[in-house]
Every structure is written in structure tokens, then in C-alpha cells.
Amino acid sequence: MDSDEFQIDYVRYLRSKKTVDDRALNHRVLTQLESLIKSRAQQLSIIADGDRVKVQPCAAGRCHPRNFETTPKHVFQVLEIGCGVGAMAERLLKNGFFSCCEATRYVFADTKASNLQAAIACMNDVFSITSKWSLISQETIGEEAYDSFFNTAHAAGVNSVHNAVIQTRNQAAPVSNLGHAHFHAHETHQDIYLDFVCMDFIEYARSNPNRFDLVIAAAFLDLVDIPKTLPIIFSALCAGGTYYFPINFDGTTHFSPIIEAALDLSVEQAFHEEMDKPSPDGAIVSQSHAGRNLAQYIPAAGGGIDSWGSSSWTVAARNGNPTDSDSSYEGDEAYFLLCIIQFIQDTVVASNNLDQEKVKQCVTND
């Protein structure tokens, strides 16, 4: 791989890791999540029948003025922060995690509009492969408006709509609600409402206190200051709400075959050291031992832990020999590996403890 020419397609990268995440997710924790969703759905169903819930798409933390409808059903509210291309929602929906809910509203929140466009396409595929669902209503901002928004954000040098608004406040305001949809199941009379919100997800959670029955943050917490972020995430949960935080980095990076043992070890150490460096304002923006530290951070932020388990990314050629020219990887996992190697090289390039020429030779296998 020529690292000088390789450019990561982030949407493709997120799609390529879906099969990696499928293997990594801890099934005992997933089983507990399903149980907690069922328990919460039962609690919602015993609310007085006279209660009526307005289901509304949301933009930038404010309700859109047009209602989907007013419904007597009790809506199970889900927020996924850093939703990416919709892989987690696809996984949960296909496996019936919300089938116990009369109605489910799933908010996809991400800072990248391109990710949300991919998530919209993913959800269209999910609901189109079976005849039991009917599309009741759907609205997206349209390709022209999307391109205008994306170009505005890109020109501002940001991926977050929240930041784009700040930097372009004298221009036309970027769109932050990229779309919403309502699907209805014929046989079970179940309703699914989807919202796609492009903004800083922490700000979105802060702007929607005591609202959600479930908050999901997958492969996310090791990218933020966890002690400061957890209370904000928990504030978005209503009383009795549940969180799901799968796949958190926890201090091990290993590649096989070993090319040069001392260099491999030095690169791993430098990678972890860079992850643990505080930002200029002193905040810890990433943690190489985030997984184990959650055992302390979650209770300190007021949360409880119902289930806990390991979840490791493992990728290997199908024939078990990565040096074999005939090796093949599941799905697009070869691309996933290329991206991970590039991420690591980009991270350790600032290290003064490494021979950068040797690192480049190692990466390109020269």
C-alpha cells in the first residue's frame, strides 16, 4: 500500500467494518439489551390508554413544525450517537429487537452528512426487502439541498453541522435534519419512525434531556473525554432508560505476521501514547484503556452496569495465511485493514520516538 496515495473513503470504511463488528459484539450483552428493551416496552404499554403521544421529526434539538401524526401508541425512543452508516440500527431491526414495541422512534445522529445519506439508503434497503412493511411517509432534503449543505460544511473545513452553523452564520443556515420516515407493519400494526439528524451529537443529547428510552454509542467513547461526556449522554435518558456502549478500545493492537518485532512494538506503544495525549485545552479526547475504565466512569456518572463483556475486532484471511497471494477476506475486510493501518500511520507520524522511514516501509511492506 502506498500511503501517500491511499485516501480513505470513510463511508466505505464504515460499511467494511460491519462484518468485523458482527463478530466483535458480545452476545451475552446483546441478550441483556434485548431483555431490557422488552421490559421497558412492557412499562410503556401499561401507561393509561388515554395518553396520546405526538411523534415529531427533530432538527437541531427542536421539533419540526410538521407532525408525522398523533397516535395513541406508546413510542419507544432510541438515540444513536455517532450512528455512522446505520449498521447498528440495521442489525437491531433485522433481529427484531424492537418487535416488542408498539412503536419505535429511532434518531440517527452523526456529524457527517455523508454518513447519514448512507444510513438513509441502508434503512430503505432494510424495509424494502420484506413485504410486511409499508412506507407511510418519507422526506429527505433532496440531492440539490444536500449537495449545497455538504459543500458549505466542507468549505468551512468542518464535518459538523453545529460548527458549520457557527462559521457560516451570515450565510444561509445549513440543513440539520436530513430526513425522516414512517414505516408501518401490516400484520403486527407496529410503527417505526426514523429521524436523521446531522449535528454535534453531544449537543443534541444535551438539547434533549429526559427524552430517550435507549441511547446507543458504538465504538465511540474512546474518542471523547469520557468523564465529561457520560453525564451528558445519561441526561438524555428518561427515568428507567437504558444505554448500550459496545466496542470500546482497550489497549491492544496486534498485526500478524510480525515484520520487525522491535518496530512493531514501538509502533503499538506510540499509537497508544498518542491516543492518551490530552488536547490543547487539557481534555482527554481518546483513551487507550477506555474499555476497562468504563467500570469506574459509568458509576461515577450515575449509571448502573447490567451486563459487561469483551468485544474484540479480529480480522484474518479465510485460509489463515495473510502472506498467501490467494488469501481472501470476508466482505470488504481487506479494505478495513488498509484503513486501520493508515489510521495508525497517521497517528504515529507525530512521534519523535520512531524512525518514520521504517514505519513507512513497514506499512507499504517494502
Foldseek 3Di string as FASTA:
>chain_A
DQLVPDDDPQLVLVVLCLVLQVQQWDVVVVVVLLVLLLVVQVVQVPPDQVDKDWAFADELLHGDPDTPDIGSFREAEEEEEQCFLPSVVLVCVVVCSCVSHQEYEYEYEYQALVRLVNNVVVVVVSQVVDPQKDWPDKDFPDPVLSVVLNVQQVVLVHSFLAVSCVSPVVHPRRTFWGMKTWMAGDPSRHIYIYTYGHHNVLSNLQSQFQAHQEYEYEQHCQQAQLLVRLLSNNRNHHVSHYYYYYDYAAADDDDPPDPDVVQRVVLSVLLQVLQQDADPVRGNRGHNGVQVCCVVSQVVSPHDDPDHDGGDRDWAFPVRDPVDPPTDTPDNVVSNVLVVLSVSLVRNVPPPVHDNVVSSCVSVVD
